[in-house]
Protein backbone atom coordinates (compact mmCIF):
# COMPACT_ATOMS: atom_id res chain seq x y z
CA UNK A 1 6.36 -8.69 14.72
CA UNK A 2 5.55 -11.03 11.98
CA UNK A 3 4.57 -9.71 8.41
CA UNK A 4 1.70 -10.56 6.51
CA UNK A 5 0.26 -9.71 2.87
CA UNK A 6 -3.74 -8.23 3.35
CA UNK A 7 -5.85 -8.08 0.55
CA UNK A 8 -8.88 -5.87 1.41
CA UNK A 9 -11.74 -5.33 -0.56
CA UNK A 10 -14.06 -2.47 0.22
CA UNK A 11 -18.03 -2.71 -0.23
CA UNK A 12 -20.25 -0.38 0.52
CA UNK A 13 -23.91 -0.80 0.72
CA UNK A 14 -25.91 0.89 -2.14
CA UNK A 15 -28.29 3.00 0.34
CA UNK A 16 -25.17 4.46 2.38
CA UNK A 17 -24.77 8.18 2.13
CA UNK A 18 -21.77 9.63 -0.03
CA UNK A 19 -20.94 12.03 3.08
CA UNK A 20 -20.81 8.87 5.49
CA UNK A 21 -18.54 6.98 2.86
CA UNK A 22 -16.38 10.27 3.06
CA UNK A 23 -16.44 10.36 6.69
CA UNK A 24 -15.04 6.92 6.89
CA UNK A 25 -12.87 7.44 4.37
CA UNK A 26 -10.86 10.14 6.17
CA UNK A 27 -11.25 8.22 9.57
CA UNK A 28 -9.25 5.55 7.54
CA UNK A 29 -6.72 7.65 6.20
CA UNK A 30 -6.07 8.68 9.88
CA UNK A 31 -6.09 5.19 11.21
CA UNK A 32 -3.67 4.37 8.66
CA UNK A 33 -1.28 7.19 9.41
CA UNK A 34 -1.51 5.79 13.20
CA UNK A 35 -0.90 2.14 12.04
CA UNK A 36 2.46 3.46 9.81
CA UNK A 37 3.69 4.91 13.24
CA UNK A 38 3.33 2.16 15.12
CA UNK A 39 4.94 -0.27 12.33
CA UNK A 40 1.69 -2.35 11.61
CA UNK A 41 1.32 -0.68 8.48
CA UNK A 42 4.43 -1.37 6.12
CA UNK A 43 3.73 -1.00 2.75
CA UNK A 44 0.03 -0.64 1.11
CA UNK A 45 -1.08 -0.46 -2.79
CA UNK A 46 -4.34 -0.14 -4.65
CA UNK A 47 -5.06 -1.87 -7.83
CA UNK A 48 -5.96 0.86 -10.97
CA UNK A 49 -9.41 1.43 -10.96
CA UNK A 50 -10.81 -1.15 -7.86
CA UNK A 51 -11.91 -0.70 -4.79
CA UNK A 52 -9.21 -2.85 -3.03
CA UNK A 53 -5.96 -2.65 -1.53
CA UNK A 54 -2.82 -4.81 -1.16
CA UNK A 55 -0.49 -4.30 1.77
CA UNK A 56 2.16 -5.51 3.80
CA UNK A 57 0.95 -5.51 7.73
CA UNK A 58 2.95 -6.61 10.80
CA UNK A 59 1.32 -7.82 13.92
CA UNK A 60 2.68 -10.33 16.70
CA UNK A 61 0.51 -13.15 14.98
CA UNK A 62 -2.40 -13.59 12.88
CA UNK A 63 -5.04 -13.21 15.62
CA UNK A 64 -3.53 -9.91 16.61
CA UNK A 65 -3.65 -8.97 12.82
CA UNK A 66 -7.54 -9.63 13.07
CA UNK A 67 -8.21 -8.31 16.69
CA UNK A 68 -6.18 -5.18 17.17
CA UNK A 69 -5.15 -4.13 13.42
CA UNK A 70 -7.71 -5.17 11.09
CA UNK A 71 -10.45 -4.97 13.21
CA UNK A 72 -10.07 -1.53 14.18
CA UNK A 73 -10.01 0.02 10.85
CA UNK A 74 -13.16 2.47 10.69
CA UNK A 75 -14.22 0.91 7.17
CA UNK A 76 -13.96 -2.58 8.66
CA UNK A 77 -17.37 -3.11 8.73
CA UNK A 78 -17.22 -2.89 4.89
CA UNK A 79 -14.28 -5.15 4.48
CA UNK A 80 -13.15 -8.59 3.41
CA UNK A 81 -9.73 -9.69 4.38
CA UNK A 82 -7.37 -12.30 2.51
CA UNK A 83 -4.22 -12.81 4.84
CA UNK A 84 -1.39 -14.50 4.02
CA UNK A 85 1.50 -14.89 6.58
CA UNK A 86 4.94 -14.20 4.58
CA UNK A 87 8.44 -14.60 5.83
CA UNK A 88 11.74 -13.16 4.31
CA UNK A 89 12.60 -15.23 1.21
CA UNK A 90 16.61 -16.10 0.74
CA UNK A 91 16.72 -14.48 -2.38
CA UNK A 92 14.93 -11.67 -1.79
CA UNK A 93 16.61 -8.79 -2.95
CA UNK A 94 15.77 -6.46 -0.61
CA UNK A 95 17.26 -8.18 2.21
CA UNK A 96 19.71 -6.76 4.01
């Protein structure tokens, strides 16, 4: 699988009930655990104080990432995605 840096920004409509937001976030947490188990979600960070996340995701290609991974997130209708395909750098200190 290829790796991608994905920046995700989540914006809820001001008219959305907090109970619906909470329900979707709970479903999102379950989906994230599934993607971790399948190897699609490698790492995930949240910038302090922001409704944005930055993660390392894996998929067969960018189409697979959008269709079968990011597009299946419960919050995806409220998310925007900035995707950058990456490959190992020869000087990466984490390479084995």
